[in-house]
């Protein structure tokens, strides 16, 4: 396995699955389940067996209304898991954080990718991300987790999100982070209404012009619950993920790795019959 999540992605002929591992007490779907590092690593290895090519470890919830977590607390949550997982596997590790200090320590302990919901806008984040040499995922978010869902408003959601991501790509390249290390995420559910989210998926191919791989995180989001009901979260997540793939997504950030992997294989089998 190559050491960088970005280089792993570049070698693939099909989408990469990023398995979600929240080591938090309050994440919207699996909060509290993986606080014990031993339990967390066990789940990470299960996801690898199910088909995950990247494991995304987060120590601060980004659900709507989530409270800020101090850097010291976030480090206490994520670093033992990163250390233990790196000892157990060479799977690429993504650190889901917006704090430069967490980025730096995670990189020193074996992380391969920085997944930042703030797109390196936190003071010092650009510098640290450049120094680590890691791949970086830049995500769009209107507002902060605490207030992002109060009244999200856009004149043109796809155009505005794409413009923001282009600006962040430019900021990165101007500060020593080349495009070859960058991934972008439109931020499904981060400061968007259900209508905004559905439009973003439907017009996802408009982001291909950015020239970097596209990550999409639709798994178990509230837009699916509001569209289908909470009992159909898995079905909605799989359908949305496959539609995203058809529109250019390269990485799928998911909770349900095995089901997503099966959907990718089935999609490929059907497409293969036309060649």
Protein backbone atom coordinates (compact mmCIF):
# COMPACT_ATOMS: atom_id res chain seq x y z
CA UNK A 1 0.00 0.00 0.00
CA UNK A 2 1.36 3.40 -0.94
CA UNK A 3 1.96 5.81 1.90
CA UNK A 4 -0.19 8.68 0.66
CA UNK A 5 -3.98 8.57 0.39
CA UNK A 6 -3.75 10.82 -2.63
CA UNK A 7 -1.31 8.54 -4.45
CA UNK A 8 -3.46 5.52 -3.63
CA UNK A 9 -6.37 7.34 -5.22
CA UNK A 10 -4.37 8.16 -8.33
CA UNK A 11 -3.75 4.47 -9.03
CA UNK A 12 -7.42 3.47 -8.96
CA UNK A 13 -9.76 2.70 -11.83
CA UNK A 14 -12.79 2.94 -9.56
CA UNK A 15 -13.84 5.14 -6.62
CA UNK A 16 -11.99 4.86 -3.33
CA UNK A 17 -13.98 4.27 -0.16
CA UNK A 18 -13.02 6.34 2.88
CA UNK A 19 -14.33 4.68 6.05
CA UNK A 20 -15.57 7.04 8.76
CA UNK A 21 -14.21 6.52 12.27
CA UNK A 22 -15.52 9.10 14.73
CA UNK A 23 -13.80 8.94 18.11
CA UNK A 24 -16.24 11.42 19.61
CA UNK A 25 -19.10 11.23 22.13
CA UNK A 26 -21.47 13.35 20.05
CA UNK A 27 -21.19 12.65 16.30
CA UNK A 28 -24.62 12.44 14.65
CA UNK A 29 -24.50 8.77 13.62
CA UNK A 30 -21.94 6.86 15.69
CA UNK A 31 -21.05 9.19 18.55
CA UNK A 32 -19.66 7.34 21.57
CA UNK A 33 -19.22 3.96 19.89
CA UNK A 34 -15.46 4.16 19.27
CA UNK A 35 -14.04 6.19 22.15
CA UNK A 36 -11.92 3.23 23.29
CA UNK A 37 -8.83 3.09 21.02
CA UNK A 38 -8.91 -0.70 20.95
CA UNK A 39 -12.55 -0.71 19.81
CA UNK A 40 -11.81 2.04 17.29
CA UNK A 41 -8.91 0.16 15.72
CA UNK A 42 -10.97 -3.02 15.55
CA UNK A 43 -13.66 -1.12 13.62
CA UNK A 44 -11.03 0.44 11.34
CA UNK A 45 -9.63 -2.97 10.45
CA UNK A 46 -13.15 -4.28 9.84
CA UNK A 47 -13.71 -1.43 7.38
CA UNK A 48 -10.44 -2.24 5.61
CA UNK A 49 -11.58 -5.85 5.25
CA UNK A 50 -14.89 -4.58 3.87
CA UNK A 51 -13.16 -2.53 1.20
CA UNK A 52 -12.12 0.82 2.69
CA UNK A 53 -8.90 2.15 1.15
CA UNK A 54 -8.65 5.14 3.54
CA UNK A 55 -9.68 5.47 7.19
CA UNK A 56 -10.83 8.95 8.27
CA UNK A 57 -10.34 9.55 12.00
CA UNK A 58 -12.09 12.49 13.64
CA UNK A 59 -12.02 13.70 17.23
CA UNK A 60 -14.40 16.67 17.00
CA UNK A 61 -18.03 16.36 15.91
CA UNK A 62 -19.07 18.55 12.99
CA UNK A 63 -22.79 17.82 13.23
CA UNK A 64 -25.08 20.88 13.22
CA UNK A 65 -24.89 22.61 16.58
CA UNK A 66 -21.74 20.80 17.67
CA UNK A 67 -19.61 22.48 20.32
CA UNK A 68 -15.95 23.38 19.90
CA UNK A 69 -13.42 20.88 21.26
CA UNK A 70 -10.06 22.05 22.58
CA UNK A 71 -6.90 21.00 20.82
CA UNK A 72 -5.69 19.05 23.84
CA UNK A 73 -8.94 17.09 24.07
CA UNK A 74 -8.96 16.36 20.36
CA UNK A 75 -5.37 15.09 20.55
CA UNK A 76 -6.27 12.81 23.46
CA UNK A 77 -9.03 11.30 21.35
CA UNK A 78 -7.30 10.80 18.01
CA UNK A 79 -3.59 10.24 18.57
CA UNK A 80 -3.86 6.93 20.47
CA UNK A 81 -6.07 5.61 17.66
CA UNK A 82 -3.71 6.80 14.92
CA UNK A 83 -0.73 5.23 16.70
CA UNK A 84 -2.49 1.92 17.26
CA UNK A 85 -3.90 1.74 13.74
CA UNK A 86 -0.52 2.57 12.21
CA UNK A 87 1.03 -0.28 14.19
CA UNK A 88 -1.69 -2.67 13.03
CA UNK A 89 -1.99 -1.67 9.37
CA UNK A 90 -0.43 0.33 6.55
CA UNK A 91 -3.85 1.58 5.41
CA UNK A 92 -3.74 5.31 4.57
CA UNK A 93 -5.00 7.37 7.52
CA UNK A 94 -6.89 10.63 7.16
CA UNK A 95 -7.10 13.04 10.09
CA UNK A 96 -10.39 14.94 10.14
CA UNK A 97 -9.46 18.21 11.84
CA UNK A 98 -9.36 21.97 11.39
CA UNK A 99 -6.68 22.57 14.04
CA UNK A 100 -3.07 23.09 12.88
CA UNK A 101 -1.67 21.55 16.05
CA UNK A 102 -3.65 18.37 15.55
CA UNK A 103 -2.58 18.23 11.90
CA UNK A 104 1.08 18.44 12.90
CA UNK A 105 0.96 15.77 15.60
CA UNK A 106 -1.19 13.45 13.49
CA UNK A 107 1.30 13.74 10.62
CA UNK A 108 4.19 12.89 12.95
CA UNK A 109 2.34 9.76 14.10
CA UNK A 110 1.64 8.40 10.64
CA UNK A 111 -1.36 10.18 9.13
CA UNK A 112 -1.34 10.51 5.34
CA UNK A 113 -4.11 13.01 4.61
CA UNK A 114 -5.59 16.11 6.26
CA UNK A 115 -9.37 16.32 5.88
CA UNK A 116 -10.29 19.87 6.87
CA UNK A 117 -13.92 21.04 6.94
CA UNK A 118 -12.55 24.61 7.14
CA UNK A 119 -10.39 24.22 4.00
CA UNK A 120 -7.22 25.38 5.81
CA UNK A 121 -8.73 28.78 6.70
CA UNK A 122 -7.76 28.48 10.38
CA UNK A 123 -4.75 30.73 11.10
CA UNK A 124 -1.58 28.69 10.69
CA UNK A 125 -3.26 25.76 8.95
CA UNK A 126 -1.87 26.49 5.48
CA UNK A 127 1.68 26.66 6.82
CA UNK A 128 1.40 23.47 8.85
CA UNK A 129 -0.29 21.55 6.04
CA UNK A 130 2.48 22.57 3.67
CA UNK A 131 5.18 21.53 6.14
CA UNK A 132 3.67 18.09 6.75
CA UNK A 133 3.81 17.19 3.06
CA UNK A 134 0.47 15.37 3.41
CA UNK A 135 -2.40 15.27 0.96
CA UNK A 136 -5.18 17.70 1.87
CA UNK A 137 -8.95 17.64 1.38
CA UNK A 138 -10.48 21.12 1.24
CA UNK A 139 -14.17 21.27 2.13
CA UNK A 140 -16.76 24.01 1.68
CA UNK A 141 -18.85 25.04 4.68
CA UNK A 142 -21.08 28.08 5.08
CA UNK A 143 -20.67 29.21 8.68
CA UNK A 144 -19.48 26.89 11.45
CA UNK A 145 -20.91 23.61 12.78
CA UNK A 146 -22.57 25.58 15.57
CA UNK A 147 -24.56 27.88 13.26
CA UNK A 148 -24.29 26.50 9.70
CA UNK A 149 -27.85 25.16 9.47
CA UNK A 150 -29.72 28.19 10.83
CA UNK A 151 -30.45 29.91 7.51
CA UNK A 152 -28.10 28.75 4.72
CA UNK A 153 -28.56 31.06 1.73
CA UNK A 154 -27.06 31.12 -1.76
CA UNK A 155 -27.82 32.87 -5.01
CA UNK A 156 -26.23 29.98 -6.91
CA UNK A 157 -25.10 27.17 -4.62
CA UNK A 158 -23.05 25.25 -7.19
CA UNK A 159 -21.32 28.34 -8.52
CA UNK A 160 -20.57 29.77 -5.08
CA UNK A 161 -19.23 26.49 -3.69
CA UNK A 162 -17.06 25.95 -6.76
CA UNK A 163 -15.71 29.52 -6.55
CA UNK A 164 -14.78 29.04 -2.89
CA UNK A 165 -12.99 25.77 -3.59
CA UNK A 166 -11.11 27.33 -6.50
CA UNK A 167 -9.99 30.15 -4.22
CA UNK A 168 -8.78 27.66 -1.61
CA UNK A 169 -6.90 25.66 -4.24
CA UNK A 170 -5.19 28.89 -5.30
CA UNK A 171 -4.35 29.74 -1.68
CA UNK A 172 -2.77 26.33 -1.28
CA UNK A 173 -0.68 26.47 -4.44
CA UNK A 174 0.48 29.99 -3.56
CA UNK A 175 1.62 28.70 -0.17
CA UNK A 176 3.58 25.70 -1.38
CA UNK A 177 0.93 22.95 -1.54
CA UNK A 178 0.76 21.70 -5.16
CA UNK A 179 -2.46 20.60 -6.84
CA UNK A 180 -1.12 17.02 -6.85
CA UNK A 181 -1.69 16.95 -3.08
CA UNK A 182 -5.21 18.40 -3.14
CA UNK A 183 -8.72 16.94 -3.01
CA UNK A 184 -11.95 18.96 -2.75
CA UNK A 185 -15.29 18.30 -1.05
CA UNK A 186 -18.42 20.43 -1.75
CA UNK A 187 -19.53 19.89 1.84
CA UNK A 188 -22.82 18.08 1.52
CA UNK A 189 -24.87 19.06 4.59
CA UNK A 190 -22.51 21.80 5.79
CA UNK A 191 -24.47 25.03 5.62
CA UNK A 192 -26.90 23.79 2.95
CA UNK A 193 -30.61 23.03 2.78
CA UNK A 194 -31.79 19.67 1.41
CA UNK A 195 -32.48 21.40 -1.90
CA UNK A 196 -28.93 22.77 -2.00
CA UNK A 197 -27.51 19.31 -1.27
CA UNK A 198 -29.56 17.59 -3.97
CA UNK A 199 -28.58 20.24 -6.50
CA UNK A 200 -24.90 19.83 -5.65
CA UNK A 201 -25.05 16.10 -6.32
CA UNK A 202 -27.03 16.59 -9.51
CA UNK A 203 -24.49 19.10 -10.86
CA UNK A 204 -21.37 17.54 -9.36
CA UNK A 205 -19.72 17.25 -12.77
CA UNK A 206 -19.29 21.04 -12.76
CA UNK A 207 -16.53 20.57 -10.19
CA UNK A 208 -14.36 18.55 -12.57
CA UNK A 209 -13.04 21.86 -13.95
CA UNK A 210 -11.15 22.36 -10.68
CA UNK A 211 -8.72 19.70 -11.84
CA UNK A 212 -8.35 17.81 -8.54
CA UNK A 213 -10.03 14.65 -7.18
CA UNK A 214 -13.49 15.09 -5.73
CA UNK A 215 -14.59 13.64 -2.38
CA UNK A 216 -18.25 13.36 -1.47
CA UNK A 217 -19.70 12.64 1.96
CA UNK A 218 -23.43 11.90 1.75
CA UNK A 219 -23.54 8.98 4.16
CA UNK A 220 -26.53 9.00 6.56
CA UNK A 221 -27.01 12.76 6.18
CA UNK A 222 -30.24 14.50 7.22
CA UNK A 223 -31.15 15.32 3.63
CA UNK A 224 -31.60 11.60 3.03
CA UNK A 225 -33.75 11.25 6.14
CA UNK A 226 -35.87 14.22 5.10
CA UNK A 227 -36.29 12.81 1.61
CA UNK A 228 -36.90 9.12 2.41
CA UNK A 229 -37.33 8.84 6.18
CA UNK A 230 -34.82 7.64 8.76
CA UNK A 231 -35.52 3.97 8.06
CA UNK A 232 -34.07 4.36 4.55
CA UNK A 233 -30.75 6.01 5.38
CA UNK A 234 -28.68 3.18 3.91
CA UNK A 235 -30.64 3.00 0.68
CA UNK A 236 -30.53 6.76 0.22
CA UNK A 237 -26.83 6.91 1.04
CA UNK A 238 -25.98 4.24 -1.55
CA UNK A 239 -28.11 5.83 -4.29
CA UNK A 240 -26.66 9.29 -3.63
CA UNK A 241 -23.11 7.90 -3.58
CA UNK A 242 -23.52 6.08 -6.90
CA UNK A 243 -25.04 9.16 -8.54
CA UNK A 244 -22.07 11.14 -7.24
CA UNK A 245 -19.69 8.60 -8.78
CA UNK A 246 -21.49 8.91 -12.11
CA UNK A 247 -20.90 12.67 -11.89
CA UNK A 248 -17.19 12.47 -11.13
CA UNK A 249 -16.67 11.67 -7.44
CA UNK A 250 -13.38 9.87 -6.78
CA UNK A 251 -13.66 9.25 -3.03
CA UNK A 252 -16.78 8.24 -1.11
CA UNK A 253 -16.66 9.01 2.62
CA UNK A 254 -19.05 6.50 4.19
CA UNK A 255 -20.17 4.71 7.34
CA UNK A 256 -21.44 1.59 5.55
CA UNK A 257 -18.34 0.33 3.80
CA UNK A 258 -19.44 -3.17 2.80
CA UNK A 259 -22.72 -2.01 1.24
CA UNK A 260 -21.00 0.81 -0.63
CA UNK A 261 -18.31 -1.52 -1.92
CA UNK A 262 -20.99 -3.93 -3.17
CA UNK A 263 -22.73 -1.09 -4.99
CA UNK A 264 -19.47 -0.04 -6.68
CA UNK A 265 -18.76 -3.61 -7.80
CA UNK A 266 -22.31 -4.01 -9.14
CA UNK A 267 -22.09 -0.69 -10.98
CA UNK A 268 -18.78 -1.73 -12.57
CA UNK A 269 -20.19 -5.12 -13.59
CA UNK A 270 -23.13 -3.50 -15.34
CA UNK A 271 -20.93 -0.95 -17.09
CA UNK A 272 -18.56 -3.73 -18.16
CA UNK A 273 -21.30 -5.37 -20.18
CA UNK A 274 -21.29 -2.41 -22.51
CA UNK A 275 -17.63 -2.73 -23.51
